[in-house]
């Protein structure tokens, strides 16, 4: 696969990024590391109206093997005590206008045993593309992932 890996991103366009009970607070852009297949990304905190800071969401811009097969363009994490409230879904919907300014379709991945993430991805309307093994050389393997479910999200 040809690696398309910019090293820097333009400033965050527009905003605010909100949906339902959440607003995304832009924190920073993180440069890519092309030698490792890591693309630059936008990093946001997820702020829920009643619960405050509940997690984070990243939007990765680039088409390396790492992104399109294992990490996905969109990645999120909700603090354990705030899971089950739909915050990840709302954060993805809030992020959609920014994602749409780069892509019509993006990849979102999940470990096969992460039922909460799978529910979020399917609620977004993303379609399962495949389930694949994570190779030892990919950073997701180092984080403990051995398999990934790949979904295509038409933003």
N, C-alpha and C. Protein backbone atom coordinates (compact mmCIF):
# COMPACT_ATOMS: atom_id res chain seq x y z
N UNK A 1 0.84 -1.17 0.00
CA UNK A 1 0.00 0.00 0.00
C UNK A 1 0.88 1.23 0.00
N UNK A 2 0.54 2.19 -0.82
CA UNK A 2 1.28 3.45 -0.85
C UNK A 2 0.95 4.25 0.39
N UNK A 3 1.97 4.74 1.06
CA UNK A 3 1.75 5.51 2.28
C UNK A 3 1.56 6.97 1.94
N UNK A 4 0.40 7.47 2.29
CA UNK A 4 0.14 8.91 2.17
C UNK A 4 0.15 9.45 3.59
N UNK A 5 1.20 10.14 3.92
CA UNK A 5 1.38 10.55 5.30
C UNK A 5 1.87 11.98 5.37
N UNK A 6 0.93 12.93 5.47
CA UNK A 6 1.39 14.30 5.69
C UNK A 6 2.04 14.39 7.06
N UNK A 7 2.87 15.39 7.27
CA UNK A 7 3.49 15.53 8.58
C UNK A 7 2.79 16.57 9.44
N UNK A 8 2.12 17.54 8.83
CA UNK A 8 1.45 18.59 9.58
C UNK A 8 0.03 18.77 9.08
N UNK A 9 -0.79 19.39 9.91
CA UNK A 9 -2.19 19.64 9.58
C UNK A 9 -2.48 21.13 9.60
N UNK A 10 -3.47 21.55 8.81
CA UNK A 10 -3.88 22.96 8.91
C UNK A 10 -4.59 23.20 10.24
N UNK A 11 -4.75 24.47 10.62
CA UNK A 11 -5.50 24.77 11.85
C UNK A 11 -6.92 24.20 11.76
N UNK A 12 -7.51 23.95 12.91
CA UNK A 12 -8.87 23.41 12.94
C UNK A 12 -9.82 24.43 12.33
N UNK A 13 -10.56 24.02 11.29
CA UNK A 13 -11.52 24.95 10.68
C UNK A 13 -12.81 25.02 11.50
N UNK A 14 -13.40 26.18 11.54
CA UNK A 14 -14.74 26.34 12.10
C UNK A 14 -14.91 25.91 13.54
N UNK A 15 -16.07 25.36 13.80
CA UNK A 15 -16.44 24.99 15.14
C UNK A 15 -17.58 25.88 15.58
N UNK A 16 -18.17 25.72 16.72
CA UNK A 16 -17.83 24.67 17.66
C UNK A 16 -18.29 23.31 17.16
N UNK A 17 -17.68 22.28 17.70
CA UNK A 17 -18.04 20.92 17.34
C UNK A 17 -18.86 20.34 18.49
N UNK A 18 -20.17 20.27 18.27
CA UNK A 18 -21.09 19.80 19.31
C UNK A 18 -22.14 18.90 18.70
N UNK A 19 -22.63 17.97 19.53
CA UNK A 19 -23.75 17.12 19.14
C UNK A 19 -24.36 16.57 20.42
N UNK A 20 -25.67 16.63 20.51
CA UNK A 20 -26.34 16.11 21.70
C UNK A 20 -25.84 16.79 22.96
N UNK A 21 -25.33 16.00 23.88
CA UNK A 21 -24.87 16.51 25.17
C UNK A 21 -23.38 16.82 25.21
N UNK A 22 -22.67 16.67 24.09
CA UNK A 22 -21.22 16.87 24.15
C UNK A 22 -20.74 17.99 23.23
N UNK A 23 -19.65 18.57 23.65
CA UNK A 23 -18.90 19.53 22.87
C UNK A 23 -17.46 19.06 22.85
N UNK A 24 -16.81 19.19 21.71
CA UNK A 24 -15.40 18.83 21.62
C UNK A 24 -14.56 20.07 21.85
N UNK A 25 -13.58 19.95 22.72
CA UNK A 25 -12.65 21.06 22.97
C UNK A 25 -11.32 20.72 22.30
N UNK A 26 -10.96 21.49 21.29
CA UNK A 26 -9.70 21.26 20.59
C UNK A 26 -8.54 21.47 21.54
N UNK A 27 -7.60 20.51 21.53
CA UNK A 27 -6.42 20.59 22.39
C UNK A 27 -5.19 20.92 21.57
N UNK A 28 -4.95 20.13 20.51
CA UNK A 28 -3.73 20.34 19.72
C UNK A 28 -3.77 19.48 18.46
N UNK A 29 -2.86 19.81 17.54
CA UNK A 29 -2.56 18.90 16.43
C UNK A 29 -1.25 18.22 16.79
N UNK A 30 -1.16 16.97 16.39
CA UNK A 30 0.04 16.18 16.65
C UNK A 30 0.65 15.82 15.30
N UNK A 31 1.94 16.13 15.09
CA UNK A 31 2.55 15.85 13.78
C UNK A 31 2.68 14.34 13.53
N UNK A 32 2.74 14.00 12.25
CA UNK A 32 2.93 12.61 11.88
C UNK A 32 4.38 12.20 11.97
N UNK A 33 4.59 10.90 12.00
CA UNK A 33 5.93 10.31 11.96
C UNK A 33 5.94 9.33 10.79
N UNK A 34 6.19 9.84 9.57
CA UNK A 34 6.09 9.00 8.37
C UNK A 34 6.92 7.72 8.43
N UNK A 35 8.09 7.76 9.05
CA UNK A 35 8.94 6.57 9.11
C UNK A 35 8.25 5.43 9.84
N UNK A 36 7.32 5.77 10.74
CA UNK A 36 6.60 4.75 11.50
C UNK A 36 5.19 4.51 10.97
N UNK A 37 4.82 5.23 9.89
CA UNK A 37 3.48 5.10 9.34
C UNK A 37 2.42 5.84 10.14
N UNK A 38 2.87 6.71 11.05
CA UNK A 38 1.93 7.46 11.89
C UNK A 38 1.62 8.80 11.23
N UNK A 39 0.35 9.08 11.11
CA UNK A 39 -0.10 10.30 10.43
C UNK A 39 -0.40 11.38 11.47
N UNK A 40 -0.45 12.64 11.05
CA UNK A 40 -0.81 13.69 12.00
C UNK A 40 -2.28 13.56 12.39
N UNK A 41 -2.60 14.12 13.55
CA UNK A 41 -4.00 14.06 13.97
C UNK A 41 -4.39 15.26 14.81
N UNK A 42 -5.71 15.49 14.81
CA UNK A 42 -6.34 16.50 15.66
C UNK A 42 -6.76 15.79 16.95
N UNK A 43 -6.47 16.40 18.09
CA UNK A 43 -6.80 15.81 19.38
C UNK A 43 -7.80 16.73 20.10
N UNK A 44 -8.91 16.15 20.54
CA UNK A 44 -9.97 16.89 21.24
C UNK A 44 -10.30 16.19 22.56
N UNK A 45 -10.71 16.97 23.54
CA UNK A 45 -11.32 16.44 24.76
C UNK A 45 -12.82 16.42 24.52
N UNK A 46 -13.48 15.43 25.08
CA UNK A 46 -14.93 15.30 24.99
C UNK A 46 -15.53 15.85 26.28
N UNK A 47 -16.30 16.91 26.15
CA UNK A 47 -16.90 17.56 27.31
C UNK A 47 -18.41 17.31 27.28
N UNK A 48 -18.92 16.64 28.31
CA UNK A 48 -20.35 16.40 28.43
C UNK A 48 -20.95 17.47 29.32
N UNK A 49 -22.13 17.93 28.98
CA UNK A 49 -22.76 19.04 29.71
C UNK A 49 -22.85 18.76 31.19
N UNK A 50 -23.28 17.57 31.57
CA UNK A 50 -23.48 17.28 33.00
C UNK A 50 -22.25 16.68 33.67
N UNK A 51 -21.42 15.97 32.93
CA UNK A 51 -20.32 15.22 33.54
C UNK A 51 -18.95 15.84 33.34
N UNK A 52 -18.83 16.90 32.57
CA UNK A 52 -17.53 17.52 32.34
C UNK A 52 -16.69 16.71 31.36
N UNK A 53 -15.40 16.65 31.60
CA UNK A 53 -14.46 15.95 30.72
C UNK A 53 -14.64 14.45 30.88
N UNK A 54 -15.07 13.78 29.80
CA UNK A 54 -15.36 12.35 29.87
C UNK A 54 -14.42 11.49 29.04
N UNK A 55 -13.54 12.11 28.25
CA UNK A 55 -12.63 11.33 27.43
C UNK A 55 -12.02 12.17 26.32
N UNK A 56 -11.53 11.48 25.28
CA UNK A 56 -10.94 12.20 24.16
C UNK A 56 -11.29 11.51 22.85
N UNK A 57 -11.11 12.26 21.76
CA UNK A 57 -11.32 11.74 20.42
C UNK A 57 -10.24 12.33 19.52
N UNK A 58 -9.72 11.50 18.62
CA UNK A 58 -8.69 11.91 17.67
C UNK A 58 -9.19 11.68 16.25
N UNK A 59 -8.78 12.58 15.36
CA UNK A 59 -9.05 12.41 13.94
C UNK A 59 -7.71 12.38 13.22
N UNK A 60 -7.37 11.22 12.67
CA UNK A 60 -6.10 11.01 11.97
C UNK A 60 -6.28 11.30 10.49
N UNK A 61 -5.34 12.04 9.92
CA UNK A 61 -5.43 12.44 8.52
C UNK A 61 -4.27 11.81 7.76
N UNK A 62 -4.57 10.85 6.93
CA UNK A 62 -3.56 10.15 6.14
C UNK A 62 -4.04 8.76 5.80
N UNK A 63 -3.32 8.11 4.92
CA UNK A 63 -3.74 6.82 4.38
C UNK A 63 -2.65 5.75 4.50
N UNK A 64 -1.97 5.67 5.60
CA UNK A 64 -0.95 4.63 5.76
C UNK A 64 -1.61 3.30 6.09
N UNK A 65 -0.86 2.23 5.96
CA UNK A 65 -1.37 0.90 6.33
C UNK A 65 -1.84 0.90 7.78
N UNK A 66 -1.07 1.53 8.66
CA UNK A 66 -1.44 1.58 10.08
C UNK A 66 -2.82 2.18 10.28
N UNK A 67 -3.11 3.27 9.58
CA UNK A 67 -4.40 3.94 9.75
C UNK A 67 -5.53 3.14 9.11
N UNK A 68 -5.41 2.79 7.85
CA UNK A 68 -6.54 2.19 7.14
C UNK A 68 -6.80 0.73 7.52
N UNK A 69 -5.84 0.08 8.15
CA UNK A 69 -6.07 -1.31 8.55
C UNK A 69 -6.25 -1.50 10.06
N UNK A 70 -5.50 -0.77 10.87
CA UNK A 70 -5.45 -1.11 12.29
C UNK A 70 -5.91 -0.01 13.25
N UNK A 71 -5.53 1.23 13.02
CA UNK A 71 -5.88 2.30 13.96
C UNK A 71 -7.17 3.01 13.60
N UNK A 72 -7.45 3.15 12.30
CA UNK A 72 -8.61 3.90 11.86
C UNK A 72 -8.33 5.40 11.82
N UNK A 73 -9.20 6.12 11.12
CA UNK A 73 -9.08 7.58 11.04
C UNK A 73 -9.60 8.26 12.31
N UNK A 74 -10.58 7.64 12.94
CA UNK A 74 -11.19 8.19 14.14
C UNK A 74 -10.95 7.22 15.29
N UNK A 75 -10.45 7.74 16.39
CA UNK A 75 -10.24 6.93 17.58
C UNK A 75 -10.72 7.70 18.80
N UNK A 76 -11.34 7.01 19.71
CA UNK A 76 -11.88 7.67 20.90
C UNK A 76 -11.68 6.78 22.12
N UNK A 77 -11.73 7.42 23.27
CA UNK A 77 -11.69 6.69 24.53
C UNK A 77 -12.53 7.47 25.54
N UNK A 78 -13.43 6.75 26.17
CA UNK A 78 -14.29 7.33 27.21
C UNK A 78 -13.81 6.75 28.55
N UNK A 79 -13.66 7.63 29.55
CA UNK A 79 -13.25 7.18 30.87
C UNK A 79 -14.26 6.14 31.37
N UNK A 80 -13.75 5.12 32.03
CA UNK A 80 -14.57 3.96 32.41
C UNK A 80 -15.86 4.34 33.14
N UNK A 81 -15.80 5.28 34.05
CA UNK A 81 -17.00 5.62 34.83
C UNK A 81 -18.03 6.42 34.03
N UNK A 82 -17.72 6.79 32.77
CA UNK A 82 -18.68 7.52 31.93
C UNK A 82 -19.14 6.70 30.73
N UNK A 83 -18.73 5.46 30.65
CA UNK A 83 -19.14 4.61 29.53
C UNK A 83 -20.62 4.25 29.64
N UNK A 84 -21.22 4.00 28.48
CA UNK A 84 -22.62 3.59 28.46
C UNK A 84 -23.61 4.74 28.36
N UNK A 85 -23.13 5.97 28.20
CA UNK A 85 -24.00 7.14 28.11
C UNK A 85 -24.12 7.66 26.67
N UNK A 86 -23.48 7.01 25.72
CA UNK A 86 -23.54 7.46 24.33
C UNK A 86 -22.59 8.59 23.99
N UNK A 87 -21.63 8.87 24.88
CA UNK A 87 -20.72 9.99 24.64
C UNK A 87 -19.81 9.76 23.43
N UNK A 88 -19.36 8.54 23.21
CA UNK A 88 -18.50 8.28 22.04
C UNK A 88 -19.27 8.52 20.74
N UNK A 89 -20.51 8.04 20.68
CA UNK A 89 -21.35 8.27 19.51
C UNK A 89 -21.53 9.77 19.26
N UNK A 90 -21.89 10.50 20.32
CA UNK A 90 -22.11 11.94 20.18
C UNK A 90 -20.83 12.66 19.77
N UNK A 91 -19.69 12.23 20.30
CA UNK A 91 -18.42 12.84 19.93
C UNK A 91 -18.11 12.61 18.45
N UNK A 92 -18.38 11.40 17.97
CA UNK A 92 -18.16 11.12 16.54
C UNK A 92 -19.07 12.00 15.68
N UNK A 93 -20.33 12.14 16.07
CA UNK A 93 -21.25 12.99 15.31
C UNK A 93 -20.80 14.45 15.36
N UNK A 94 -20.28 14.89 16.51
CA UNK A 94 -19.78 16.27 16.62
C UNK A 94 -18.57 16.48 15.73
N UNK A 95 -17.74 15.45 15.59
CA UNK A 95 -16.52 15.53 14.78
C UNK A 95 -16.80 15.42 13.28
N UNK A 96 -17.97 14.91 12.92
CA UNK A 96 -18.29 14.62 11.51
C UNK A 96 -18.05 15.78 10.55
N UNK A 97 -18.41 17.03 10.88
CA UNK A 97 -18.14 18.11 9.92
C UNK A 97 -16.65 18.28 9.60
N UNK A 98 -15.79 18.14 10.59
CA UNK A 98 -14.35 18.23 10.34
C UNK A 98 -13.90 17.05 9.48
N UNK A 99 -14.34 15.86 9.81
CA UNK A 99 -13.97 14.66 9.04
C UNK A 99 -14.40 14.82 7.59
N UNK A 100 -15.64 15.29 7.41
CA UNK A 100 -16.19 15.48 6.06
C UNK A 100 -15.40 16.48 5.23
N UNK A 101 -14.72 17.41 5.89
CA UNK A 101 -13.92 18.39 5.14
C UNK A 101 -12.67 17.74 4.53
N UNK A 102 -12.34 16.51 4.94
CA UNK A 102 -11.19 15.78 4.40
C UNK A 102 -11.61 14.55 3.59
N UNK A 103 -12.62 13.83 4.05
CA UNK A 103 -12.99 12.53 3.47
C UNK A 103 -14.51 12.37 3.40
N UNK A 104 -14.96 11.57 2.43
CA UNK A 104 -16.37 11.17 2.38
C UNK A 104 -16.59 9.88 3.16
N UNK A 105 -15.54 9.05 3.22
CA UNK A 105 -15.60 7.77 3.94
C UNK A 105 -14.30 7.62 4.72
N UNK A 106 -14.42 7.21 5.98
CA UNK A 106 -13.24 6.94 6.80
C UNK A 106 -13.35 5.55 7.42
N UNK A 107 -12.22 5.09 7.90
CA UNK A 107 -12.16 3.79 8.58
C UNK A 107 -12.17 4.03 10.09
N UNK A 108 -12.99 3.24 10.78
CA UNK A 108 -12.99 3.19 12.24
C UNK A 108 -12.76 1.73 12.60
N UNK A 109 -11.89 1.47 13.57
CA UNK A 109 -11.60 0.10 13.94
C UNK A 109 -11.96 -0.15 15.41
N UNK A 110 -12.10 -1.42 15.72
CA UNK A 110 -12.36 -1.84 17.09
C UNK A 110 -11.79 -3.23 17.32
N UNK A 111 -11.35 -3.48 18.54
CA UNK A 111 -11.02 -4.85 18.90
C UNK A 111 -12.32 -5.64 18.91
N UNK A 112 -12.30 -6.91 18.50
CA UNK A 112 -13.53 -7.69 18.40
C UNK A 112 -14.27 -7.88 19.73
N UNK A 113 -13.56 -7.79 20.85
CA UNK A 113 -14.21 -7.98 22.15
C UNK A 113 -14.70 -6.68 22.79
N UNK A 114 -14.54 -5.56 22.12
CA UNK A 114 -14.96 -4.27 22.66
C UNK A 114 -16.40 -3.98 22.21
N UNK A 115 -17.34 -4.59 22.90
CA UNK A 115 -18.75 -4.49 22.50
C UNK A 115 -19.28 -3.06 22.54
N UNK A 116 -18.82 -2.26 23.50
CA UNK A 116 -19.27 -0.87 23.57
C UNK A 116 -18.86 -0.09 22.33
N UNK A 117 -17.62 -0.26 21.91
CA UNK A 117 -17.14 0.43 20.71
C UNK A 117 -17.85 -0.08 19.46
N UNK A 118 -18.06 -1.36 19.38
CA UNK A 118 -18.77 -1.92 18.23
C UNK A 118 -20.19 -1.35 18.15
N UNK A 119 -20.89 -1.26 19.29
CA UNK A 119 -22.23 -0.67 19.30
C UNK A 119 -22.19 0.78 18.81
N UNK A 120 -21.18 1.54 19.27
CA UNK A 120 -21.04 2.94 18.84
C UNK A 120 -20.85 3.02 17.34
N UNK A 121 -19.93 2.22 16.82
CA UNK A 121 -19.61 2.25 15.39
C UNK A 121 -20.83 1.85 14.55
N UNK A 122 -21.54 0.81 14.97
CA UNK A 122 -22.71 0.38 14.22
C UNK A 122 -23.84 1.39 14.32
N UNK A 123 -23.98 2.07 15.48
CA UNK A 123 -25.00 3.11 15.62
C UNK A 123 -24.72 4.28 14.67
N UNK A 124 -23.43 4.54 14.38
CA UNK A 124 -23.06 5.58 13.42
C UNK A 124 -23.48 5.21 12.00
N UNK A 125 -23.80 3.93 11.78
CA UNK A 125 -24.16 3.47 10.45
C UNK A 125 -22.98 2.95 9.65
N UNK A 126 -21.83 2.80 10.32
CA UNK A 126 -20.64 2.27 9.63
C UNK A 126 -20.86 0.80 9.27
N UNK A 127 -20.27 0.41 8.17
CA UNK A 127 -20.43 -0.96 7.68
C UNK A 127 -19.16 -1.77 7.91
N UNK A 128 -19.33 -2.98 8.41
CA UNK A 128 -18.20 -3.87 8.64
C UNK A 128 -17.56 -4.24 7.30
N UNK A 129 -16.26 -4.01 7.21
CA UNK A 129 -15.51 -4.36 6.01
C UNK A 129 -14.89 -5.75 6.18
N UNK A 130 -14.22 -5.94 7.31
CA UNK A 130 -13.57 -7.22 7.57
C UNK A 130 -13.02 -7.24 8.98
N UNK A 131 -12.62 -8.43 9.41
CA UNK A 131 -11.87 -8.60 10.65
C UNK A 131 -10.52 -9.18 10.27
N UNK A 132 -9.45 -8.55 10.77
CA UNK A 132 -8.11 -8.95 10.36
C UNK A 132 -7.18 -9.10 11.56
N UNK A 133 -6.08 -9.81 11.34
CA UNK A 133 -5.03 -9.97 12.35
C UNK A 133 -4.17 -8.71 12.37
N UNK A 134 -3.72 -8.32 13.55
CA UNK A 134 -2.80 -7.20 13.69
C UNK A 134 -1.38 -7.76 13.67
N UNK A 135 -0.55 -7.29 12.75
CA UNK A 135 0.83 -7.81 12.69
C UNK A 135 1.68 -7.29 13.86
N UNK A 136 2.69 -8.04 14.19
CA UNK A 136 3.57 -7.68 15.32
C UNK A 136 4.24 -6.33 15.14
N UNK A 137 4.47 -5.89 13.91
CA UNK A 137 5.17 -4.62 13.68
C UNK A 137 4.29 -3.39 13.89
N UNK A 138 2.97 -3.57 14.00
CA UNK A 138 2.08 -2.41 14.12
C UNK A 138 1.96 -1.97 15.58
N UNK A 139 1.93 -0.64 15.82
CA UNK A 139 1.80 -0.13 17.20
C UNK A 139 0.56 -0.65 17.94
N UNK A 140 -0.50 -1.01 17.22
CA UNK A 140 -1.68 -1.56 17.88
C UNK A 140 -1.37 -2.90 18.54
N UNK A 141 -0.48 -3.66 17.96
CA UNK A 141 -0.06 -4.94 18.54
C UNK A 141 0.62 -4.69 19.88
N UNK A 142 1.49 -3.69 19.90
CA UNK A 142 2.19 -3.35 21.14
C UNK A 142 1.23 -2.94 22.24
N UNK A 143 0.06 -2.41 21.86
CA UNK A 143 -0.96 -2.01 22.83
C UNK A 143 -1.84 -3.18 23.27
N UNK A 144 -1.59 -4.36 22.71
CA UNK A 144 -2.34 -5.54 23.12
C UNK A 144 -3.37 -6.02 22.12
N UNK A 145 -3.59 -5.32 21.03
CA UNK A 145 -4.58 -5.74 20.03
C UNK A 145 -4.00 -6.84 19.15
N UNK A 146 -4.75 -7.91 18.98
CA UNK A 146 -4.33 -9.01 18.11
C UNK A 146 -5.19 -9.12 16.86
N UNK A 147 -6.43 -8.61 16.95
CA UNK A 147 -7.34 -8.59 15.81
C UNK A 147 -8.06 -7.25 15.82
N UNK A 148 -8.46 -6.81 14.64
CA UNK A 148 -9.23 -5.58 14.49
C UNK A 148 -10.42 -5.81 13.57
N UNK A 149 -11.54 -5.24 13.94
CA UNK A 149 -12.70 -5.16 13.04
C UNK A 149 -12.60 -3.81 12.35
N UNK A 150 -12.64 -3.81 11.03
CA UNK A 150 -12.54 -2.58 10.24
C UNK A 150 -13.93 -2.22 9.71
N UNK A 151 -14.32 -0.97 9.93
CA UNK A 151 -15.60 -0.45 9.48
C UNK A 151 -15.39 0.75 8.58
N UNK A 152 -16.24 0.89 7.57
CA UNK A 152 -16.24 2.08 6.71
C UNK A 152 -17.40 2.96 7.15
N UNK A 153 -17.06 4.19 7.53
CA UNK A 153 -18.08 5.16 7.96
C UNK A 153 -18.23 6.21 6.88
N UNK A 154 -19.39 6.25 6.24
CA UNK A 154 -19.71 7.29 5.26
C UNK A 154 -20.19 8.50 6.05
N UNK A 155 -19.32 9.48 6.13
CA UNK A 155 -19.55 10.62 7.03
C UNK A 155 -20.66 11.52 6.51
